[in-house]
Every structure is written in structure tokens, then in C-alpha cells.
Amino acid sequence: MVHYRALMEESAAELATAIGVRVKHERQQRRWTLDQLAEGTGVSRRMLVNIEQGAANPSVGTLLRISGALGVGLPDLVEPPRSKRMKVTRRGEGTVLWTGAHGGRGVLVAVTTPPNVVELWDWTLEAGDRHVSEPHTAGTRKLVQVHLGTISISSGEETITLNDRDALSFPGDVAHTYVNAGPHAARFSLTVFDPGVGSATRTERVDA
């Protein structure tokens, strides 16, 4: 158990460093100051400094705000640029971007390139786990299919319960919540369509 925890801590540290390097690179490419990025994201300057130094493990919500301001898409912050047309993610090689209080995980396993980004996630919610997702950019859509157990997804005033092999399509540009209120672990695939990443209209919204 100690060895496993050490590996997880090492992996988290490597991811934090990689994210920091990428955020700083993208910011400097645009000749933005930290204050400008902070204004465009709503993330404090102190937090941005910690992220760029690899000293913080930002939440998915924070990464979404940063990626939105930079116009690069969430996957570009957690992976180095790729030149190959085909990219294989082997079992266990995905990027863990969320961990639940009871042991659940949100793992990014495959992505496409901008401007219309599609993300494929492998999610596990342990019994009692709950994940609240902030609104994504306008036009974002999500697809979910449950492979094991039962989850509930709430969006606005509507809540849908999904069982094994059930699927759901819903807008991702409003706040939504994933909950496993059952006694057993639940596992599901999540696909996110994020249109127009890095487009001129998106940049204008950031500058406004």
C-alpha cells in the first residue's frame, strides 16, 4: 500500500509539472502577463503561479477555465503536442484528472485536436462519490454510457438515473452533477464534444 501511494504521488507530481510547463508556454506564446491570464480566467494570480511552478494540482474546473482563456482545449494542457496521426492509450496510461472522496477517478483516455475537440473519459464513481462539473463553453455536449452499477446525473432541475447499459445525451454548457448514491461502484464512459476551441469568437469572449 505504501508503494502504491508513492507511485500515485509521483504520478500526480509529474502531471502537475507537465501542466505547469504547458500553461506557462501557452501564456508566453500569447505574450500575456500572469495578471492578464488571471483576469481572463477568474483564477487568482497566486494559484496561476503555483500551477506554472508545478506546485499545485488544479481541479478540472480550474483547468477548464484556463484552457478556455488560452483557447487550447483541456487535453492540450495535460498532454504534450503530438505529431502522429494515430495515438494509442494503453490500459492504465490515461491521465487521471479527478479523484473522488471515496476513491472514484475520472481518467482522460483519448482526445482529438482543435478546433472541434472530442474527449473520451473513463469514469469510476465509488459508492458515495459525487462530482460537480462547472459549465463548459457554449455548445458543449456530453454523452454517457454506464457499464457497471447505477449513477444519477443532474442538470438544472432535472435528474436522470442511469443503470447498466443505459446512455444519456445532455448539454455540457450548464452546471451538472454526477452521483453514485448506491452501495456499489459504478463505471461509465463519458464523451465530451467541445466545439470551436481556439476560435476567434472564443478569443474575443476572453478579451471582452
C-alpha atoms as a PDB file:
ATOM      1  CA  MET A   1       0.000   0.000   0.000  1.00  0.00           C
ATOM      2  CA  VAL A   2       2.810   2.422   0.822  1.00  0.00           C
ATOM      3  CA  HIS A   3       4.489   1.680  -2.526  1.00  0.00           C
ATOM      4  CA  TYR A   4       1.194   2.262  -4.381  1.00  0.00           C
ATOM      5  CA  ARG A   5       0.656   5.605  -2.661  1.00  0.00           C
ATOM      6  CA  ALA A   6       4.201   6.657  -3.510  1.00  0.00           C
ATOM      7  CA  LEU A   7       3.597   5.835  -7.176  1.00  0.00           C
ATOM      8  CA  MET A   8       0.361   7.835  -7.177  1.00  0.00           C
ATOM      9  CA  GLU A   9       2.092  10.819  -5.572  1.00  0.00           C
ATOM     10  CA  GLU A  10       4.906  10.616  -8.112  1.00  0.00           C
ATOM     11  CA  SER A  11       2.405  10.446 -10.973  1.00  0.00           C
ATOM     12  CA  ALA A  12       0.484  13.449  -9.607  1.00  0.00           C
ATOM     13  CA  ALA A  13       3.716  15.412  -9.282  1.00  0.00           C
ATOM     14  CA  GLU A  14       4.704  14.625 -12.876  1.00  0.00           C
ATOM     15  CA  LEU A  15       1.280  15.663 -14.136  1.00  0.00           C
ATOM     16  CA  ALA A  16       1.374  18.918 -12.151  1.00  0.00           C
ATOM     17  CA  THR A  17       4.799  19.717 -13.618  1.00  0.00           C
ATOM     18  CA  ALA A  18       3.650  18.945 -17.166  1.00  0.00           C
ATOM     19  CA  ILE A  19       0.561  21.126 -16.762  1.00  0.00           C
ATOM     20  CA  GLY A  20       2.660  23.971 -15.357  1.00  0.00           C
ATOM     21  CA  VAL A  21       5.092  23.854 -18.260  1.00  0.00           C
ATOM     22  CA  ARG A  22       2.273  23.843 -20.807  1.00  0.00           C
ATOM     23  CA  VAL A  23       0.299  26.674 -19.185  1.00  0.00           C
ATOM     24  CA  LYS A  24       3.390  28.861 -18.975  1.00  0.00           C
ATOM     25  CA  HIS A  25       4.329  28.073 -22.576  1.00  0.00           C
ATOM     26  CA  GLU A  26       0.865  28.910 -23.896  1.00  0.00           C
ATOM     27  CA  ARG A  27       0.698  32.116 -21.842  1.00  0.00           C
ATOM     28  CA  GLN A  28       4.105  33.309 -23.012  1.00  0.00           C
ATOM     29  CA  GLN A  29       3.280  32.427 -26.634  1.00  0.00           C
ATOM     30  CA  ARG A  30       0.471  34.980 -26.374  1.00  0.00           C
ATOM     31  CA  ARG A  31       2.706  37.456 -24.524  1.00  0.00           C
ATOM     32  CA  TRP A  32       0.254  37.564 -21.662  1.00  0.00           C
ATOM     33  CA  THR A  33       1.200  38.504 -18.128  1.00  0.00           C
ATOM     34  CA  LEU A  34       0.031  36.446 -15.187  1.00  0.00           C
ATOM     35  CA  ASP A  35      -2.345  39.269 -14.324  1.00  0.00           C
ATOM     36  CA  GLN A  36      -3.896  39.117 -17.794  1.00  0.00           C
ATOM     37  CA  LEU A  37      -4.398  35.363 -17.533  1.00  0.00           C
ATOM     38  CA  ALA A  38      -5.848  35.751 -14.051  1.00  0.00           C
ATOM     39  CA  GLU A  39      -8.333  38.330 -15.341  1.00  0.00           C
ATOM     40  CA  GLY A  40      -9.339  36.152 -18.265  1.00  0.00           C
ATOM     41  CA  THR A  41      -9.833  33.004 -16.173  1.00  0.00           C
ATOM     42  CA  GLY A  42     -11.057  34.216 -12.801  1.00  0.00           C
ATOM     43  CA  VAL A  43      -8.239  32.161 -11.257  1.00  0.00           C
ATOM     44  CA  SER A  44      -6.095  34.037  -8.762  1.00  0.00           C
ATOM     45  CA  ARG A  45      -2.591  35.134  -9.738  1.00  0.00           C
ATOM     46  CA  ARG A  46      -1.165  33.188  -6.779  1.00  0.00           C
ATOM     47  CA  MET A  47      -2.846  29.984  -7.955  1.00  0.00           C
ATOM     48  CA  LEU A  48      -1.573  30.524 -11.508  1.00  0.00           C
ATOM     49  CA  VAL A  49       1.965  30.981 -10.182  1.00  0.00           C
ATOM     50  CA  ASN A  50       1.667  27.720  -8.237  1.00  0.00           C
ATOM     51  CA  ILE A  51       0.287  25.926 -11.298  1.00  0.00           C
ATOM     52  CA  GLU A  52       3.083  27.138 -13.560  1.00  0.00           C
ATOM     53  CA  GLN A  53       5.650  26.074 -10.969  1.00  0.00           C
ATOM     54  CA  GLY A  54       4.095  22.609 -10.739  1.00  0.00           C
ATOM     55  CA  ALA A  55       3.316  23.208  -7.074  1.00  0.00           C
ATOM     56  CA  ALA A  56      -0.465  22.800  -7.367  1.00  0.00           C
ATOM     57  CA  ASN A  57      -2.860  20.097  -8.530  1.00  0.00           C
ATOM     58  CA  PRO A  58      -5.644  22.207 -10.084  1.00  0.00           C
ATOM     59  CA  SER A  59      -9.200  20.918 -10.267  1.00  0.00           C
ATOM     60  CA  VAL A  60     -10.831  20.066 -13.577  1.00  0.00           C
ATOM     61  CA  GLY A  61     -12.920  23.232 -13.237  1.00  0.00           C
ATOM     62  CA  THR A  62      -9.802  25.367 -12.878  1.00  0.00           C
ATOM     63  CA  LEU A  63      -8.164  23.666 -15.863  1.00  0.00           C
ATOM     64  CA  LEU A  64     -11.292  24.274 -17.939  1.00  0.00           C
ATOM     65  CA  ARG A  65     -11.193  27.992 -17.143  1.00  0.00           C
ATOM     66  CA  ILE A  66      -7.508  28.182 -18.063  1.00  0.00           C
ATOM     67  CA  SER A  67      -7.901  26.165 -21.262  1.00  0.00           C
ATOM     68  CA  GLY A  68     -10.905  28.290 -22.226  1.00  0.00           C
ATOM     69  CA  ALA A  69      -8.974  31.527 -21.773  1.00  0.00           C
ATOM     70  CA  LEU A  70      -5.984  30.215 -23.705  1.00  0.00           C
ATOM     71  CA  GLY A  71      -8.208  28.702 -26.383  1.00  0.00           C
ATOM     72  CA  VAL A  72      -6.304  25.432 -26.494  1.00  0.00           C
ATOM     73  CA  GLY A  73      -8.687  22.862 -25.047  1.00  0.00           C
ATOM     74  CA  LEU A  74      -8.302  20.860 -21.861  1.00  0.00           C
ATOM     75  CA  PRO A  75      -6.383  17.953 -23.480  1.00  0.00           C
ATOM     76  CA  ASP A  76      -3.628  20.319 -24.635  1.00  0.00           C
ATOM     77  CA  LEU A  77      -2.883  21.246 -21.028  1.00  0.00           C
ATOM     78  CA  VAL A  78      -2.317  17.687 -19.889  1.00  0.00           C
ATOM     79  CA  GLU A  79      -0.556  16.182 -22.897  1.00  0.00           C
ATOM     80  CA  PRO A  80       2.455  17.284 -24.961  1.00  0.00           C
ATOM     81  CA  PRO A  81       1.855  18.153 -28.632  1.00  0.00           C
ATOM     82  CA  ARG A  82       1.536  15.091 -30.854  1.00  0.00           C
ATOM     83  CA  SER A  83       2.688  14.714 -34.431  1.00  0.00           C
ATOM     84  CA  LYS A  84       1.402  11.183 -35.031  1.00  0.00           C
ATOM     85  CA  ARG A  85      -1.975  10.796 -36.747  1.00  0.00           C
ATOM     86  CA  MET A  86      -2.877   7.850 -34.508  1.00  0.00           C
ATOM     87  CA  LYS A  87      -2.408   7.861 -30.748  1.00  0.00           C
ATOM     88  CA  VAL A  88      -2.903   4.721 -28.685  1.00  0.00           C
ATOM     89  CA  THR A  89      -3.653   4.914 -24.971  1.00  0.00           C
ATOM     90  CA  ARG A  90      -2.941   1.544 -23.421  1.00  0.00           C
ATOM     91  CA  ARG A  91      -4.718   0.260 -20.353  1.00  0.00           C
ATOM     92  CA  GLY A  92      -3.603   2.261 -17.327  1.00  0.00           C
ATOM     93  CA  GLU A  93      -1.992   5.042 -19.394  1.00  0.00           C
ATOM     94  CA  GLY A  94      -4.814   7.597 -19.241  1.00  0.00           C
ATOM     95  CA  THR A  95      -4.465  10.909 -17.431  1.00  0.00           C
ATOM     96  CA  VAL A  96      -6.211  10.989 -14.044  1.00  0.00           C
ATOM     97  CA  LEU A  97      -7.773  14.444 -13.711  1.00  0.00           C
ATOM     98  CA  TRP A  98     -10.239  13.813 -10.889  1.00  0.00           C
ATOM     99  CA  THR A  99     -10.272  11.663  -7.769  1.00  0.00           C
ATOM    100  CA  GLY A 100     -13.289  11.262  -5.529  1.00  0.00           C
ATOM    101  CA  ALA A 101     -13.509  11.341  -1.773  1.00  0.00           C
ATOM    102  CA  HIS A 102     -14.304   7.615  -1.785  1.00  0.00           C
ATOM    103  CA  GLY A 103     -11.770   6.543  -4.409  1.00  0.00           C
ATOM    104  CA  GLY A 104     -13.500   7.281  -7.706  1.00  0.00           C
ATOM    105  CA  ARG A 105     -11.493   8.514 -10.693  1.00  0.00           C
ATOM    106  CA  GLY A 106     -12.028  10.487 -13.870  1.00  0.00           C
ATOM    107  CA  VAL A 107      -9.467   9.418 -16.480  1.00  0.00           C
ATOM    108  CA  LEU A 108      -8.964  11.181 -19.820  1.00  0.00           C
ATOM    109  CA  VAL A 109      -8.088   8.398 -22.265  1.00  0.00           C
ATOM    110  CA  ALA A 110      -8.382   9.873 -25.781  1.00  0.00           C
ATOM    111  CA  VAL A 111      -8.811  13.256 -27.462  1.00  0.00           C
ATOM    112  CA  THR A 112      -8.990  14.885 -30.861  1.00  0.00           C
ATOM    113  CA  THR A 113      -7.256  18.097 -31.905  1.00  0.00           C
ATOM    114  CA  PRO A 114      -8.832  21.592 -32.091  1.00  0.00           C
ATOM    115  CA  PRO A 115     -10.886  23.356 -33.238  1.00  0.00           C
ATOM    116  CA  ASN A 116     -13.684  20.855 -32.522  1.00  0.00           C
ATOM    117  CA  VAL A 117     -12.373  18.779 -29.643  1.00  0.00           C
ATOM    118  CA  VAL A 118     -13.845  15.425 -28.647  1.00  0.00           C
ATOM    119  CA  GLU A 119     -12.713  13.903 -25.342  1.00  0.00           C
ATOM    120  CA  LEU A 120     -13.211  10.304 -24.213  1.00  0.00           C
ATOM    121  CA  TRP A 121     -13.201   9.663 -20.457  1.00  0.00           C
ATOM    122  CA  ASP A 122     -13.256   6.528 -18.320  1.00  0.00           C
ATOM    123  CA  TRP A 123     -15.074   7.310 -15.075  1.00  0.00           C
ATOM    124  CA  THR A 124     -15.454   5.348 -11.864  1.00  0.00           C
ATOM    125  CA  LEU A 125     -17.644   6.583  -9.022  1.00  0.00           C
ATOM    126  CA  GLU A 126     -17.288   4.610  -5.839  1.00  0.00           C
ATOM    127  CA  ALA A 127     -20.276   4.337  -3.507  1.00  0.00           C
ATOM    128  CA  GLY A 128     -20.981   7.810  -2.130  1.00  0.00           C
ATOM    129  CA  ASP A 129     -18.843   9.638  -4.712  1.00  0.00           C
ATOM    130  CA  ARG A 130     -20.155  12.890  -6.168  1.00  0.00           C
ATOM    131  CA  HIS A 131     -18.645  15.067  -8.894  1.00  0.00           C
ATOM    132  CA  VAL A 132     -19.881  18.585  -9.659  1.00  0.00           C
ATOM    133  CA  SER A 133     -18.948  19.890 -13.121  1.00  0.00           C
ATOM    134  CA  GLU A 134     -18.880  23.595 -13.873  1.00  0.00           C
ATOM    135  CA  PRO A 135     -20.424  24.771 -17.173  1.00  0.00           C
ATOM    136  CA  HIS A 136     -18.204  24.154 -20.199  1.00  0.00           C
ATOM    137  CA  THR A 137     -18.058  26.508 -23.178  1.00  0.00           C
ATOM    138  CA  ALA A 138     -21.235  27.288 -25.123  1.00  0.00           C
ATOM    139  CA  GLY A 139     -22.361  24.444 -27.350  1.00  0.00           C
ATOM    140  CA  THR A 140     -20.612  21.672 -25.424  1.00  0.00           C
ATOM    141  CA  ARG A 141     -22.456  18.340 -25.487  1.00  0.00           C
ATOM    142  CA  LYS A 142     -21.868  15.204 -23.434  1.00  0.00           C
ATOM    143  CA  LEU A 143     -22.650  11.523 -23.953  1.00  0.00           C
ATOM    144  CA  VAL A 144     -22.633   8.990 -21.117  1.00  0.00           C
ATOM    145  CA  GLN A 145     -23.000   5.214 -21.123  1.00  0.00           C
ATOM    146  CA  VAL A 146     -22.975   3.220 -17.915  1.00  0.00           C
ATOM    147  CA  HIS A 147     -21.038  -0.048 -17.943  1.00  0.00           C
ATOM    148  CA  LEU A 148     -21.437  -1.041 -14.298  1.00  0.00           C
ATOM    149  CA  GLY A 149     -23.742  -0.008 -11.470  1.00  0.00           C
ATOM    150  CA  THR A 150     -26.057   2.993 -11.231  1.00  0.00           C
ATOM    151  CA  ILE A 151     -25.445   6.742 -11.377  1.00  0.00           C
ATOM    152  CA  SER A 152     -27.617   9.846 -11.307  1.00  0.00           C
ATOM    153  CA  ILE A 153     -26.920  12.903 -13.436  1.00  0.00           C
ATOM    154  CA  SER A 154     -28.492  16.244 -12.553  1.00  0.00           C
ATOM    155  CA  SER A 155     -28.633  19.229 -14.904  1.00  0.00           C
ATOM    156  CA  GLY A 156     -30.654  22.247 -13.904  1.00  0.00           C
ATOM    157  CA  GLU A 157     -33.813  20.989 -12.213  1.00  0.00           C
ATOM    158  CA  GLU A 158     -33.777  17.612 -13.971  1.00  0.00           C
ATOM    159  CA  THR A 159     -32.207  14.412 -12.599  1.00  0.00           C
ATOM    160  CA  ILE A 160     -31.838  11.198 -14.594  1.00  0.00           C
ATOM    161  CA  THR A 161     -30.889   7.809 -13.135  1.00  0.00           C
ATOM    162  CA  LEU A 162     -28.884   5.504 -15.383  1.00  0.00           C
ATOM    163  CA  ASN A 163     -28.396   1.777 -14.882  1.00  0.00           C
ATOM    164  CA  ASP A 164     -26.080  -0.731 -16.563  1.00  0.00           C
ATOM    165  CA  ARG A 165     -26.005  -0.130 -20.382  1.00  0.00           C
ATOM    166  CA  ASP A 166     -28.211   2.971 -20.174  1.00  0.00           C
ATOM    167  CA  ALA A 167     -26.993   6.032 -22.093  1.00  0.00           C
ATOM    168  CA  LEU A 168     -27.697   9.757 -21.944  1.00  0.00           C
ATOM    169  CA  SER A 169     -27.048  12.838 -24.087  1.00  0.00           C
ATOM    170  CA  PHE A 170     -27.134  16.255 -22.409  1.00  0.00           C
ATOM    171  CA  PRO A 171     -25.742  19.802 -22.688  1.00  0.00           C
ATOM    172  CA  GLY A 172     -22.404  20.414 -21.002  1.00  0.00           C
ATOM    173  CA  ASP A 173     -22.624  24.203 -21.006  1.00  0.00           C
ATOM    174  CA  VAL A 174     -24.694  24.286 -17.814  1.00  0.00           C
ATOM    175  CA  ALA A 175     -23.630  23.111 -14.355  1.00  0.00           C
ATOM    176  CA  HIS A 176     -24.255  19.397 -13.806  1.00  0.00           C
ATOM    177  CA  THR A 177     -23.570  16.715 -11.227  1.00  0.00           C
ATOM    178  CA  TYR A 178     -22.714  13.004 -11.283  1.00  0.00           C
ATOM    179  CA  VAL A 179     -23.675  10.996  -8.177  1.00  0.00           C
ATOM    180  CA  ASN A 180     -23.357   7.379  -7.105  1.00  0.00           C
ATOM    181  CA  ALA A 181     -25.822   7.023  -4.250  1.00  0.00           C
ATOM    182  CA  GLY A 182     -25.791   3.218  -4.385  1.00  0.00           C
ATOM    183  CA  PRO A 183     -23.843   0.699  -2.299  1.00  0.00           C
ATOM    184  CA  HIS A 184     -21.520  -0.427  -5.111  1.00  0.00           C
ATOM    185  CA  ALA A 185     -19.039   1.150  -7.512  1.00  0.00           C
ATOM    186  CA  ALA A 186     -20.292   2.497 -10.847  1.00  0.00           C
ATOM    187  CA  ARG A 187     -18.292   2.828 -14.054  1.00  0.00           C
ATOM    188  CA  PHE A 188     -19.195   4.766 -17.182  1.00  0.00           C
ATOM    189  CA  SER A 189     -17.756   6.213 -20.365  1.00  0.00           C
ATOM    190  CA  LEU A 190     -18.078   9.938 -20.979  1.00  0.00           C
ATOM    191  CA  THR A 191     -17.632  11.665 -24.331  1.00  0.00           C
ATOM    192  CA  VAL A 192     -17.358  15.458 -24.430  1.00  0.00           C
ATOM    193  CA  PHE A 193     -17.790  17.490 -27.619  1.00  0.00           C
ATOM    194  CA  ASP A 194     -16.276  20.951 -27.191  1.00  0.00           C
ATOM    195  CA  PRO A 195     -16.798  22.963 -30.406  1.00  0.00           C
ATOM    196  CA  GLY A 196     -14.701  25.848 -31.595  1.00  0.00           C
ATOM    197  CA  VAL A 197     -11.769  25.546 -29.212  1.00  0.00           C
ATOM    198  CA  GLY A 198      -9.275  28.272 -30.061  1.00  0.00           C
ATOM    199  CA  SER A 199     -11.641  30.011 -32.476  1.00  0.00           C
ATOM    200  CA  ALA A 200     -11.600  33.757 -32.964  1.00  0.00           C
ATOM    201  CA  THR A 201     -15.008  34.157 -31.339  1.00  0.00           C
ATOM    202  CA  ARG A 202     -13.766  32.378 -28.257  1.00  0.00           C
ATOM    203  CA  THR A 203     -10.724  34.642 -28.044  1.00  0.00           C
ATOM    204  CA  GLU A 204     -12.974  37.694 -28.320  1.00  0.00           C
ATOM    205  CA  ARG A 205     -15.066  36.458 -25.405  1.00  0.00           C
ATOM    206  CA  VAL A 206     -11.948  36.135 -23.274  1.00  0.00           C
ATOM    207  CA  ASP A 207     -10.721  39.611 -24.159  1.00  0.00           C
ATOM    208  CA  ALA A 208     -14.100  41.233 -23.509  1.00  0.00           C
END
